[in-house]
Amino acid sequence: MHDPDRKIACQISYIPLRTENIEEKVEKVLHIIRNSGLEFKVNSFATEIKGSKAEVFSLIEDIFETAETESQFVLDLKLSNICGC
């Protein structure tokens, strides 16, 4: 059933490519996550995010759009409608 308010969990890893400013690029993505208002936890290799399906997918789109203007990148996502919700 399609429910945009259903809470989901997302594990996201952003990997900028072909850039010397890796830390700067990662910090820009973390800034987007911090300002999203969603619950999150930064870990060594990924950031865990929790929120409604609509909010999480909107955040992923914001990250993608911003990262696309910065450099080439890999955005590795794991989504779950049961894990950690």
C-alpha atoms as a PDB file:
ATOM      1  CA  MET A   1       0.000   0.000   0.000  1.00  0.00           C
ATOM      2  CA  HIS A   2       1.314   3.461  -0.931  1.00  0.00           C
ATOM      3  CA  ASP A   3       1.655   5.514   2.257  1.00  0.00           C
ATOM      4  CA  PRO A   4       4.001   8.539   2.016  1.00  0.00           C
ATOM      5  CA  ASP A   5       3.803   9.015   5.816  1.00  0.00           C
ATOM      6  CA  ARG A   6       5.048   5.507   6.588  1.00  0.00           C
ATOM      7  CA  LYS A   7       8.317   5.665   8.530  1.00  0.00           C
ATOM      8  CA  ILE A   8      11.367   4.157   6.843  1.00  0.00           C
ATOM      9  CA  ALA A   9      15.087   3.895   7.511  1.00  0.00           C
ATOM     10  CA  CYS A  10      17.837   4.715   5.049  1.00  0.00           C
ATOM     11  CA  GLN A  11      21.555   4.099   5.242  1.00  0.00           C
ATOM     12  CA  ILE A  12      23.367   6.449   2.887  1.00  0.00           C
ATOM     13  CA  SER A  13      27.003   6.661   1.812  1.00  0.00           C
ATOM     14  CA  TYR A  14      28.153   9.517  -0.391  1.00  0.00           C
ATOM     15  CA  ILE A  15      31.454   9.032  -2.201  1.00  0.00           C
ATOM     16  CA  PRO A  16      32.742  11.980  -4.252  1.00  0.00           C
ATOM     17  CA  LEU A  17      34.951  10.966  -7.172  1.00  0.00           C
ATOM     18  CA  ARG A  18      37.727  12.737  -9.091  1.00  0.00           C
ATOM     19  CA  THR A  19      38.105  15.551  -6.590  1.00  0.00           C
ATOM     20  CA  GLU A  20      40.782  16.671  -4.171  1.00  0.00           C
ATOM     21  CA  ASN A  21      38.207  18.208  -1.816  1.00  0.00           C
ATOM     22  CA  ILE A  22      36.591  15.025  -0.529  1.00  0.00           C
ATOM     23  CA  GLU A  23      35.999  16.312   3.016  1.00  0.00           C
ATOM     24  CA  GLU A  24      34.427  19.532   1.708  1.00  0.00           C
ATOM     25  CA  LYS A  25      32.061  17.611  -0.583  1.00  0.00           C
ATOM     26  CA  VAL A  26      31.043  15.193   2.178  1.00  0.00           C
ATOM     27  CA  GLU A  27      30.461  18.097   4.582  1.00  0.00           C
ATOM     28  CA  LYS A  28      28.066  19.719   2.087  1.00  0.00           C
ATOM     29  CA  VAL A  29      25.991  16.537   2.008  1.00  0.00           C
ATOM     30  CA  LEU A  30      26.054  16.276   5.809  1.00  0.00           C
ATOM     31  CA  HIS A  31      24.873  19.894   5.970  1.00  0.00           C
ATOM     32  CA  ILE A  32      21.853  18.967   3.835  1.00  0.00           C
ATOM     33  CA  ILE A  33      21.100  16.027   6.138  1.00  0.00           C
ATOM     34  CA  ARG A  34      21.500  18.127   9.312  1.00  0.00           C
ATOM     35  CA  ASN A  35      19.124  20.775   7.952  1.00  0.00           C
ATOM     36  CA  SER A  36      16.504  18.235   6.850  1.00  0.00           C
ATOM     37  CA  GLY A  37      14.919  17.966  10.291  1.00  0.00           C
ATOM     38  CA  LEU A  38      15.060  14.180  10.053  1.00  0.00           C
ATOM     39  CA  GLU A  39      16.466  11.879  12.706  1.00  0.00           C
ATOM     40  CA  PHE A  40      19.989  10.818  11.695  1.00  0.00           C
ATOM     41  CA  LYS A  41      23.176   9.253  13.028  1.00  0.00           C
ATOM     42  CA  VAL A  42      26.566   9.715  11.363  1.00  0.00           C
ATOM     43  CA  ASN A  43      28.793   6.630  11.371  1.00  0.00           C
ATOM     44  CA  SER A  44      32.240   5.939   9.898  1.00  0.00           C
ATOM     45  CA  PHE A  45      31.077   4.651   6.531  1.00  0.00           C
ATOM     46  CA  ALA A  46      27.427   5.697   6.295  1.00  0.00           C
ATOM     47  CA  THR A  47      24.760   7.913   7.788  1.00  0.00           C
ATOM     48  CA  GLU A  48      21.531   6.418   9.086  1.00  0.00           C
ATOM     49  CA  ILE A  49      18.390   8.451   8.452  1.00  0.00           C
ATOM     50  CA  LYS A  50      14.827   7.869   9.677  1.00  0.00           C
ATOM     51  CA  GLY A  51      11.648   9.617   8.640  1.00  0.00           C
ATOM     52  CA  SER A  52       8.539   9.341   6.562  1.00  0.00           C
ATOM     53  CA  LYS A  53       8.958   7.788   3.142  1.00  0.00           C
ATOM     54  CA  ALA A  54       8.163  11.133   1.489  1.00  0.00           C
ATOM     55  CA  GLU A  55      10.704  13.011   3.634  1.00  0.00           C
ATOM     56  CA  VAL A  56      13.500  10.483   3.101  1.00  0.00           C
ATOM     57  CA  PHE A  57      12.988  10.341  -0.667  1.00  0.00           C
ATOM     58  CA  SER A  58      12.858  14.137  -0.813  1.00  0.00           C
ATOM     59  CA  LEU A  59      16.141  14.297   1.108  1.00  0.00           C
ATOM     60  CA  ILE A  60      17.746  11.775  -1.258  1.00  0.00           C
ATOM     61  CA  GLU A  61      16.653  13.909  -4.211  1.00  0.00           C
ATOM     62  CA  ASP A  62      18.093  17.060  -2.565  1.00  0.00           C
ATOM     63  CA  ILE A  63      21.402  15.294  -1.943  1.00  0.00           C
ATOM     64  CA  PHE A  64      21.534  13.969  -5.508  1.00  0.00           C
ATOM     65  CA  GLU A  65      20.742  17.363  -7.053  1.00  0.00           C
ATOM     66  CA  THR A  66      23.394  19.139  -4.963  1.00  0.00           C
ATOM     67  CA  ALA A  67      26.044  16.446  -5.451  1.00  0.00           C
ATOM     68  CA  GLU A  68      25.449  16.419  -9.190  1.00  0.00           C
ATOM     69  CA  THR A  69      26.530  20.072  -9.412  1.00  0.00           C
ATOM     70  CA  GLU A  70      29.660  19.427  -7.322  1.00  0.00           C
ATOM     71  CA  SER A  71      31.436  16.459  -8.895  1.00  0.00           C
ATOM     72  CA  GLN A  72      31.051  12.895 -10.034  1.00  0.00           C
ATOM     73  CA  PHE A  73      29.948  10.651  -7.191  1.00  0.00           C
ATOM     74  CA  VAL A  74      28.514   7.391  -5.961  1.00  0.00           C
ATOM     75  CA  LEU A  75      25.467   7.502  -3.704  1.00  0.00           C
ATOM     76  CA  ASP A  76      25.028   4.124  -2.037  1.00  0.00           C
ATOM     77  CA  LEU A  77      21.590   3.646  -0.435  1.00  0.00           C
ATOM     78  CA  LYS A  78      19.990   0.948   1.666  1.00  0.00           C
ATOM     79  CA  LEU A  79      16.302   1.447   2.355  1.00  0.00           C
ATOM     80  CA  SER A  80      14.098  -0.474   4.752  1.00  0.00           C
ATOM     81  CA  ASN A  81      10.499  -0.219   5.837  1.00  0.00           C
ATOM     82  CA  ILE A  82      11.173  -2.349   8.916  1.00  0.00           C
ATOM     83  CA  CYS A  83      14.799  -1.940  10.045  1.00  0.00           C
ATOM     84  CA  GLY A  84      15.163   0.516  12.899  1.00  0.00           C
ATOM     85  CA  CYS A  85      11.760   2.149  12.457  1.00  0.00           C
END
